[in-house]
């Protein structure tokens, strides 16, 4: 049976599978989850077939063939245009399918082979390709990195896989961090548009360093409305509660806050924004690297890397704060014993955890609360760094309301499910790229 005949049979079978809202509602939770898994697998395989055919379409539509190319003969200017009309794909999906299909046409392409085998989806392959793009490293190292990322694809969605691939690219090509950083900074822009009804519109593309300032201000202004921290000091508690009751939309609150910020500039008060003081970019860097002028820094929260030259410039302008990290990646205890974690302790938790520790959550430190892993009253829990972790509001409430527990064993945190759920405990991994790199360097040094 040919591939097209087999695919036609598979489509016919899939077409006969019942599809109804009533069937969905009658299914158990386990059945719904299995339904999702199988539908995802069907989509993965269908996308692989689409990419393979798109690659062949691109080969038969090579510009060198001129009007004799398949796309031109079918009345389309490009293979992507023909793919859109033939399959109903979006422009972006067509571009990705053709690009990954072309890789599959290359015999020695690790990504192309993985897609053809069905072990990596087209979206995952595109994330790996885009993440590693531009890495100035020997081909054999790039191929090895691609193989490792293909293995990690089974546990990461395409968005997280893209971030992971970019981390690997920076490890392979540390010398390229500064040029890539310069490219991003060169793309920064702020444009004003005059709309026909009298409104104005700003379109602001800003680089990772600028984001360290802008995003913090945006989070201060809107986080109570967007699921940010519930536990703030007394000075800010009233402001947070007022924001939750505010009749304005979150976008209107942000607009008004930035307007007031521009009006008052550096004299902005805490009645406009949650928190106070001039926002600063917090960059994590090895002290030895900062002194020697080698390596790179990592922006807290976003995980974006900065060249050591930019880090030194920021240190010169804003100063530095030393955090001692032990062999387990913990920031050493600051020795404060109080009910709420102090500002300095929250900084230490942000450095260590890098955001919400719950598996799969991407909330940055500014959106997180400090959770005592020991109940403060029942267990007489101490407000020490090793007894606290960062959790976003959603997962903090989930933990307390559903009976989850976080425990620390041998320097690692483990998430234990409620007693009625038969699941194994899950190891919680820091979201801080800087801490992961720090531990990796220590392991290599001791090997």
Protein backbone atom coordinates (compact mmCIF):
# COMPACT_ATOMS: atom_id res chain seq x y z
CA UNK A 1 0.00 0.00 0.00
CA UNK A 2 1.36 3.41 -0.92
CA UNK A 3 1.78 6.17 1.63
CA UNK A 4 -1.11 8.18 0.14
CA UNK A 5 -3.40 5.12 0.14
CA UNK A 6 -2.51 4.30 3.76
CA UNK A 7 -3.06 7.92 4.76
CA UNK A 8 -6.43 7.95 3.00
CA UNK A 9 -7.43 4.86 4.99
CA UNK A 10 -6.31 6.48 8.24
CA UNK A 11 -8.27 9.64 7.47
CA UNK A 12 -11.37 7.58 6.70
CA UNK A 13 -11.04 5.77 10.04
CA UNK A 14 -10.51 9.03 11.90
CA UNK A 15 -13.50 10.57 10.15
CA UNK A 16 -15.69 7.77 11.54
CA UNK A 17 -14.60 8.40 15.15
CA UNK A 18 -17.60 9.96 16.97
CA UNK A 19 -17.25 13.68 17.63
CA UNK A 20 -19.91 15.19 19.83
CA UNK A 21 -20.23 17.44 22.84
CA UNK A 22 -22.45 14.87 24.55
CA UNK A 23 -19.72 12.21 24.24
CA UNK A 24 -17.21 14.62 25.78
CA UNK A 25 -19.51 15.42 28.69
CA UNK A 26 -20.28 11.76 29.34
CA UNK A 27 -16.59 10.81 29.50
CA UNK A 28 -14.76 10.43 32.81
CA UNK A 29 -11.83 12.67 33.72
CA UNK A 30 -9.43 9.86 32.85
CA UNK A 31 -11.14 9.38 29.48
CA UNK A 32 -10.93 13.09 28.70
CA UNK A 33 -7.21 13.09 29.47
CA UNK A 34 -6.69 9.99 27.29
CA UNK A 35 -8.79 11.64 24.57
CA UNK A 36 -6.49 14.65 24.65
CA UNK A 37 -3.38 12.46 24.53
CA UNK A 38 -4.62 10.46 21.55
CA UNK A 39 -5.81 13.55 19.69
CA UNK A 40 -2.42 15.14 20.27
CA UNK A 41 -0.68 12.03 18.95
CA UNK A 42 -2.92 12.02 15.88
CA UNK A 43 -2.10 15.67 15.25
CA UNK A 44 1.63 15.03 15.69
CA UNK A 45 1.57 12.26 13.09
CA UNK A 46 -0.61 14.27 10.71
CA UNK A 47 1.75 17.23 10.97
CA UNK A 48 4.70 14.94 10.22
CA UNK A 49 3.00 13.75 7.02
CA UNK A 50 2.20 17.35 6.11
CA UNK A 51 5.82 18.44 6.64
CA UNK A 52 7.18 15.55 4.56
CA UNK A 53 4.83 16.41 1.70
CA UNK A 54 5.62 20.12 2.09
CA UNK A 55 9.34 19.37 1.82
CA UNK A 56 8.77 17.44 -1.39
CA UNK A 57 6.53 20.24 -2.67
CA UNK A 58 9.35 22.72 -1.99
CA UNK A 59 11.87 20.48 -3.76
CA UNK A 60 9.64 20.23 -6.84
CA UNK A 61 9.05 24.00 -6.73
CA UNK A 62 12.70 25.08 -6.56
CA UNK A 63 13.16 28.57 -8.07
CA UNK A 64 15.69 27.11 -10.51
CA UNK A 65 12.81 25.25 -12.20
CA UNK A 66 11.05 28.48 -13.08
CA UNK A 67 7.57 27.99 -14.52
CA UNK A 68 8.08 24.23 -14.60
CA UNK A 69 8.06 24.08 -10.81
CA UNK A 70 5.07 22.39 -9.16
CA UNK A 71 3.86 25.48 -7.27
CA UNK A 72 4.02 27.67 -10.38
CA UNK A 73 2.24 25.05 -12.49
CA UNK A 74 -0.55 24.97 -9.89
CA UNK A 75 -0.90 28.75 -10.11
CA UNK A 76 0.90 29.67 -6.86
CA UNK A 77 3.95 31.92 -6.53
CA UNK A 78 5.58 29.88 -3.76
CA UNK A 79 5.23 26.42 -2.20
CA UNK A 80 4.00 28.08 1.00
CA UNK A 81 1.20 29.78 -0.93
CA UNK A 82 0.18 26.50 -2.55
CA UNK A 83 0.29 24.73 0.82
CA UNK A 84 -2.06 27.31 2.32
CA UNK A 85 -4.64 26.90 -0.43
CA UNK A 86 -4.36 23.09 -0.51
CA UNK A 87 -4.58 22.47 3.25
CA UNK A 88 -6.13 25.58 4.81
CA UNK A 89 -2.99 26.16 6.87
CA UNK A 90 -2.12 29.60 8.18
CA UNK A 91 0.76 31.49 6.63
CA UNK A 92 3.01 30.81 9.62
CA UNK A 93 2.12 27.09 9.74
CA UNK A 94 2.84 26.80 6.02
CA UNK A 95 6.25 28.42 6.43
CA UNK A 96 7.14 26.10 9.33
CA UNK A 97 5.90 22.97 7.49
CA UNK A 98 8.00 23.81 4.42
CA UNK A 99 11.05 24.67 6.51
CA UNK A 100 10.92 21.45 8.57
CA UNK A 101 10.00 19.47 5.44
CA UNK A 102 13.16 20.75 3.76
CA UNK A 103 15.16 19.51 6.76
CA UNK A 104 13.54 16.10 6.41
CA UNK A 105 14.76 16.03 2.79
CA UNK A 106 18.35 16.20 4.13
CA UNK A 107 19.59 12.72 4.96
CA UNK A 108 21.93 13.79 7.78
CA UNK A 109 19.40 16.11 9.46
CA UNK A 110 18.80 14.99 13.05
CA UNK A 111 15.65 17.10 13.29
CA UNK A 112 14.30 15.94 9.95
CA UNK A 113 14.76 12.29 10.90
CA UNK A 114 13.11 12.82 14.29
CA UNK A 115 10.06 14.41 12.65
CA UNK A 116 9.81 11.65 10.04
CA UNK A 117 9.97 9.01 12.77
CA UNK A 118 7.30 10.82 14.78
CA UNK A 119 9.45 11.16 17.91
CA UNK A 120 9.47 14.97 17.63
CA UNK A 121 6.54 17.08 16.46
CA UNK A 122 6.85 19.73 13.77
CA UNK A 123 6.31 22.45 16.40
CA UNK A 124 8.99 20.96 18.65
CA UNK A 125 11.40 20.68 15.73
CA UNK A 126 10.81 24.31 14.83
CA UNK A 127 11.46 25.33 18.45
CA UNK A 128 14.78 23.46 18.47
CA UNK A 129 15.77 24.88 15.07
CA UNK A 130 14.90 28.45 16.04
CA UNK A 131 16.56 28.15 19.44
CA UNK A 132 19.86 26.87 18.04
CA UNK A 133 19.79 29.17 15.02
CA UNK A 134 22.92 31.25 14.65
CA UNK A 135 25.09 29.23 17.04
CA UNK A 136 28.70 29.57 15.88
CA UNK A 137 29.88 26.13 16.96
CA UNK A 138 31.33 23.06 15.24
CA UNK A 139 28.63 21.10 13.34
CA UNK A 140 29.23 17.97 15.40
CA UNK A 141 28.52 19.89 18.65
CA UNK A 142 25.35 21.39 17.19
CA UNK A 143 24.24 17.94 16.04
CA UNK A 144 24.89 16.50 19.51
CA UNK A 145 22.97 19.37 21.13
CA UNK A 146 20.10 18.76 18.72
CA UNK A 147 19.97 15.08 19.71
CA UNK A 148 19.84 16.00 23.40
CA UNK A 149 17.07 18.53 22.79
CA UNK A 150 15.09 15.96 20.81
CA UNK A 151 15.24 13.73 23.89
CA UNK A 152 14.11 16.59 26.15
CA UNK A 153 11.21 17.36 23.79
CA UNK A 154 9.17 14.58 25.40
CA UNK A 155 8.98 16.55 28.66
CA UNK A 156 8.78 20.14 27.36
CA UNK A 157 6.12 21.95 25.35
CA UNK A 158 7.35 23.90 22.27
CA UNK A 159 7.50 27.24 24.13
CA UNK A 160 9.66 25.87 26.94
CA UNK A 161 11.68 23.83 24.44
CA UNK A 162 12.50 27.03 22.57
CA UNK A 163 13.79 28.63 25.77
CA UNK A 164 15.82 25.51 26.54
CA UNK A 165 17.29 25.47 23.02
CA UNK A 166 18.33 29.11 23.40
CA UNK A 167 20.08 28.22 26.66
CA UNK A 168 21.96 25.45 24.88
CA UNK A 169 22.86 27.85 22.05
CA UNK A 170 24.35 30.29 24.55
CA UNK A 171 26.38 27.48 26.15
CA UNK A 172 27.69 26.41 22.73
CA UNK A 173 28.41 29.94 21.56
CA UNK A 174 29.07 32.17 24.56
CA UNK A 175 31.11 34.53 22.37
CA UNK A 176 27.97 35.19 20.35
CA UNK A 177 25.94 36.47 23.31
CA UNK A 178 27.16 40.06 22.93
CA UNK A 179 26.41 40.27 19.18
CA UNK A 180 22.95 38.72 19.67
CA UNK A 181 22.31 41.13 22.53
CA UNK A 182 23.34 44.03 20.30
CA UNK A 183 20.93 42.85 17.59
CA UNK A 184 18.03 42.80 20.05
CA UNK A 185 18.94 46.20 21.43
CA UNK A 186 19.21 47.55 17.90
CA UNK A 187 15.61 46.52 17.27
CA UNK A 188 14.21 48.60 20.14
CA UNK A 189 11.68 51.19 19.06
CA UNK A 190 8.79 53.29 20.31
CA UNK A 191 6.28 54.44 17.71
CA UNK A 192 3.23 56.65 18.08
CA UNK A 193 0.23 56.24 15.82
CA UNK A 194 -2.58 58.79 15.48
CA UNK A 195 -5.86 56.89 15.18
CA UNK A 196 -8.72 58.30 13.15
CA UNK A 197 -11.09 58.62 16.12
CA UNK A 198 -8.68 60.83 18.07
CA UNK A 199 -7.06 58.09 20.15
CA UNK A 200 -3.31 57.58 20.14
CA UNK A 201 -1.38 54.30 20.14
CA UNK A 202 2.16 53.50 21.23
CA UNK A 203 3.92 50.43 19.83
CA UNK A 204 6.93 49.67 21.99
CA UNK A 205 9.45 46.95 21.15
CA UNK A 206 12.02 46.81 23.94
CA UNK A 207 15.09 44.69 24.58
CA UNK A 208 15.67 42.37 27.59
CA UNK A 209 17.61 44.98 29.59
CA UNK A 210 14.82 47.53 29.18
CA UNK A 211 12.32 44.80 30.05
CA UNK A 212 13.96 44.47 33.46
CA UNK A 213 12.71 47.97 34.23
CA UNK A 214 9.45 48.17 32.25
CA UNK A 215 8.10 44.74 33.22
CA UNK A 216 8.67 45.37 36.92
CA UNK A 217 6.70 48.61 36.73
CA UNK A 218 3.91 46.90 34.79
CA UNK A 219 3.76 44.09 37.35
CA UNK A 220 3.67 46.54 40.25
CA UNK A 221 0.76 48.36 38.66
CA UNK A 222 -1.35 45.35 37.69
CA UNK A 223 -0.27 42.19 39.54
CA UNK A 224 -3.18 42.08 42.07
CA UNK A 225 -5.57 42.06 39.11
CA UNK A 226 -3.55 39.48 37.17
CA UNK A 227 -3.00 36.88 39.88
CA UNK A 228 0.00 38.47 41.59
CA UNK A 229 0.96 38.23 45.28
CA UNK A 230 -1.71 38.42 47.96
CA UNK A 231 0.68 38.83 50.89
CA UNK A 232 2.25 42.27 50.88
CA UNK A 233 3.33 44.51 53.71
CA UNK A 234 0.77 46.66 55.51
CA UNK A 235 1.78 49.75 53.54
CA UNK A 236 0.83 48.07 50.27
CA UNK A 237 -2.05 45.84 51.37
CA UNK A 238 -4.66 48.57 51.06
CA UNK A 239 -3.39 49.50 47.60
CA UNK A 240 -3.60 45.86 46.44
CA UNK A 241 -7.14 45.46 47.74
CA UNK A 242 -8.19 48.74 46.11
CA UNK A 243 -6.82 47.55 42.76
CA UNK A 244 -8.83 44.34 42.98
CA UNK A 245 -12.02 46.39 43.50
CA UNK A 246 -11.13 48.99 40.87
CA UNK A 247 -13.73 49.30 38.10
CA UNK A 248 -11.08 50.02 35.47
CA UNK A 249 -9.83 47.24 33.23
CA UNK A 250 -6.33 45.92 33.80
CA UNK A 251 -5.22 47.64 30.58
CA UNK A 252 -6.69 50.95 31.77
CA UNK A 253 -4.93 50.62 35.13
CA UNK A 254 -1.63 50.01 33.33
CA UNK A 255 -2.19 52.99 31.03
CA UNK A 256 -3.02 55.32 33.92
CA UNK A 257 -0.05 54.10 35.95
CA UNK A 258 2.44 54.68 33.13
CA UNK A 259 0.90 58.09 32.45
CA UNK A 260 1.36 59.05 36.10
CA UNK A 261 4.87 57.64 36.07
CA UNK A 262 5.81 59.82 33.13
CA UNK A 263 4.20 62.81 34.84
CA UNK A 264 5.98 62.38 38.13
CA UNK A 265 9.16 60.75 36.77
CA UNK A 266 11.53 59.78 39.56
CA UNK A 267 9.29 61.13 42.33
CA UNK A 268 6.60 58.49 41.78
CA UNK A 269 4.89 57.43 45.00
CA UNK A 270 3.54 54.11 46.27
CA UNK A 271 -0.06 55.35 45.85
CA UNK A 272 0.36 54.84 42.10
CA UNK A 273 2.47 51.69 41.89
CA UNK A 274 2.83 48.68 44.17
CA UNK A 275 6.30 48.82 45.65
CA UNK A 276 8.52 51.83 45.69
CA UNK A 277 12.01 52.93 44.76
CA UNK A 278 13.62 53.12 41.38
CA UNK A 279 13.26 49.85 39.45
CA UNK A 280 16.53 48.20 38.53
CA UNK A 281 17.60 45.33 36.33
CA UNK A 282 18.68 42.43 38.55
CA UNK A 283 21.35 40.39 36.80
CA UNK A 284 22.83 37.20 38.27
CA UNK A 285 26.50 36.60 37.55
CA UNK A 286 29.35 34.60 39.03
CA UNK A 287 31.55 36.92 41.10
CA UNK A 288 34.68 35.42 39.55
CA UNK A 289 33.29 36.12 36.07
CA UNK A 290 32.46 39.71 36.97
CA UNK A 291 35.99 40.32 38.23
CA UNK A 292 37.71 38.51 35.35
CA UNK A 293 35.45 39.93 32.65
CA UNK A 294 34.53 36.47 31.36
CA UNK A 295 31.33 34.44 31.08
CA UNK A 296 27.93 36.09 31.05
CA UNK A 297 25.05 37.22 33.26
CA UNK A 298 21.42 36.12 33.44
CA UNK A 299 18.50 38.51 33.93
CA UNK A 300 16.43 37.37 36.89
CA UNK A 301 12.96 36.20 35.94
CA UNK A 302 13.26 36.17 32.16
CA UNK A 303 16.41 34.02 31.94
CA UNK A 304 17.78 36.18 29.12
CA UNK A 305 21.56 36.36 28.96
CA UNK A 306 23.73 39.47 28.85
CA UNK A 307 27.34 39.78 27.78
CA UNK A 308 29.81 40.30 30.60
CA UNK A 309 30.53 43.79 29.27
CA UNK A 310 26.90 44.83 29.72
CA UNK A 311 26.84 43.24 33.18
CA UNK A 312 29.92 45.22 34.20
CA UNK A 313 28.32 48.42 32.91
CA UNK A 314 25.17 47.74 34.95
CA UNK A 315 27.26 46.95 38.02
CA UNK A 316 29.12 50.23 37.57
CA UNK A 317 25.88 52.22 37.32
CA UNK A 318 23.75 50.38 39.90
CA UNK A 319 26.23 48.68 42.21
CA UNK A 320 26.26 45.02 43.21
CA UNK A 321 24.80 42.86 45.96
CA UNK A 322 26.59 39.68 46.96
CA UNK A 323 24.68 36.45 47.49
CA UNK A 324 26.58 33.41 48.75
CA UNK A 325 25.43 30.17 47.08
CA UNK A 326 26.23 26.80 48.60
CA UNK A 327 26.89 23.52 46.79
CA UNK A 328 23.15 22.73 46.62
CA UNK A 329 22.24 26.01 44.98
CA UNK A 330 20.78 27.55 48.14
CA UNK A 331 21.31 31.19 49.05
CA UNK A 332 22.79 31.03 52.55
CA UNK A 333 20.35 31.83 55.36
CA UNK A 334 20.08 35.52 56.20
CA UNK A 335 19.22 34.63 59.77
CA UNK A 336 15.95 36.56 60.02
CA UNK A 337 13.16 35.07 62.13
CA UNK A 338 9.83 36.79 61.51
CA UNK A 339 6.37 35.85 60.21
CA UNK A 340 6.78 37.37 56.75
CA UNK A 341 9.90 37.03 54.68
CA UNK A 342 11.93 40.22 54.56
CA UNK A 343 12.68 42.10 51.36
CA UNK A 344 16.25 40.80 51.40
CA UNK A 345 15.07 37.23 51.92
CA UNK A 346 12.62 37.56 49.03
CA UNK A 347 15.52 38.71 46.86
CA UNK A 348 17.43 35.61 47.95
CA UNK A 349 14.44 33.37 47.17
CA UNK A 350 14.09 35.02 43.76
CA UNK A 351 17.76 34.36 43.03
CA UNK A 352 17.52 30.72 44.13
CA UNK A 353 14.10 29.68 42.74
CA UNK A 354 13.87 31.96 39.70
CA UNK A 355 10.06 32.06 39.92
CA UNK A 356 7.22 29.74 40.92
CA UNK A 357 8.71 26.31 41.72
CA UNK A 358 5.54 24.42 40.75
CA UNK A 359 6.30 22.09 37.81
CA UNK A 360 5.52 23.72 34.47
CA UNK A 361 4.72 27.17 35.91
CA UNK A 362 6.51 30.12 34.31
CA UNK A 363 5.45 32.92 36.68
CA UNK A 364 8.47 35.16 37.42
CA UNK A 365 9.62 36.03 40.97
CA UNK A 366 7.71 39.33 40.99
CA UNK A 367 4.46 37.34 40.72
CA UNK A 368 5.28 34.94 43.55
CA UNK A 369 4.69 34.66 47.27
CA UNK A 370 7.04 33.16 49.84
CA UNK A 371 5.53 29.90 51.06
CA UNK A 372 6.55 28.33 54.39
CA UNK A 373 6.99 24.62 53.72
CA UNK A 374 6.42 24.11 57.48
CA UNK A 375 3.12 25.47 58.79
CA UNK A 376 4.02 28.61 60.69
CA UNK A 377 1.74 27.89 63.69
CA UNK A 378 1.12 24.13 63.59
CA UNK A 379 4.73 23.12 62.87
CA UNK A 380 6.33 26.21 64.42
CA UNK A 381 7.89 26.82 61.04
CA UNK A 382 10.88 29.15 60.88
CA UNK A 383 11.11 32.02 58.42
CA UNK A 384 14.46 30.78 57.13
CA UNK A 385 15.44 30.59 53.49
CA UNK A 386 15.70 26.81 53.35
CA UNK A 387 12.17 26.50 54.78
CA UNK A 388 10.63 28.77 52.16
CA UNK A 389 9.95 28.52 48.43
CA UNK A 390 8.42 30.82 45.84
CA UNK A 391 4.94 29.97 44.55
CA UNK A 392 2.61 32.04 42.40
CA UNK A 393 -0.81 32.90 43.86
CA UNK A 394 -2.61 30.17 41.90
CA UNK A 395 -0.29 27.37 42.98
CA UNK A 396 0.03 28.71 46.52
CA UNK A 397 -3.75 28.49 46.91
CA UNK A 398 -3.81 25.09 45.19
CA UNK A 399 -1.22 23.75 47.62
CA UNK A 400 -3.06 24.95 50.72
CA UNK A 401 -6.60 24.14 49.55
CA UNK A 402 -6.00 20.70 48.03
CA UNK A 403 -3.59 19.16 50.52
CA UNK A 404 -0.34 19.24 48.54
CA UNK A 405 2.89 19.47 50.54
CA UNK A 406 6.44 20.53 49.79
CA UNK A 407 9.21 18.80 51.71
CA UNK A 408 12.96 19.18 51.66
CA UNK A 409 15.25 16.16 51.54
CA UNK A 410 18.99 16.12 50.97
CA UNK A 411 19.02 19.69 49.78
CA UNK A 412 16.16 19.26 47.26
CA UNK A 413 12.49 20.20 47.41
CA UNK A 414 9.84 17.61 46.60
CA UNK A 415 6.17 18.19 45.78
CA UNK A 416 3.97 15.55 47.41
CA UNK A 417 0.40 15.06 46.15
CA UNK A 418 -2.63 14.86 48.46
CA UNK A 419 -3.08 11.45 50.18
CA UNK A 420 -6.01 10.53 47.91
CA UNK A 421 -3.96 10.88 44.73
CA UNK A 422 -1.74 7.97 43.86
CA UNK A 423 1.17 9.84 42.40
CA UNK A 424 4.86 9.87 43.17
CA UNK A 425 6.48 12.95 44.64
CA UNK A 426 7.98 15.28 42.03
CA UNK A 427 11.37 16.94 42.41
CA UNK A 428 11.11 20.72 42.14
CA UNK A 429 13.74 22.24 39.89
CA UNK A 430 14.84 25.85 40.12
CA UNK A 431 13.60 28.09 37.32
CA UNK A 432 16.72 30.23 37.70
CA UNK A 433 18.98 29.74 34.73
CA UNK A 434 21.85 31.34 36.64
CA UNK A 435 21.57 28.82 39.49
CA UNK A 436 21.38 25.90 37.07
CA UNK A 437 24.52 27.14 35.33
CA UNK A 438 26.22 27.66 38.71
CA UNK A 439 25.49 24.07 39.78
CA UNK A 440 26.60 22.75 36.40
CA UNK A 441 29.92 24.55 36.74
CA UNK A 442 30.43 23.13 40.23
CA UNK A 443 29.72 19.60 38.97
CA UNK A 444 32.18 20.01 36.09
CA UNK A 445 34.82 21.43 38.43
CA UNK A 446 34.50 18.51 40.85
CA UNK A 447 34.44 15.84 38.12
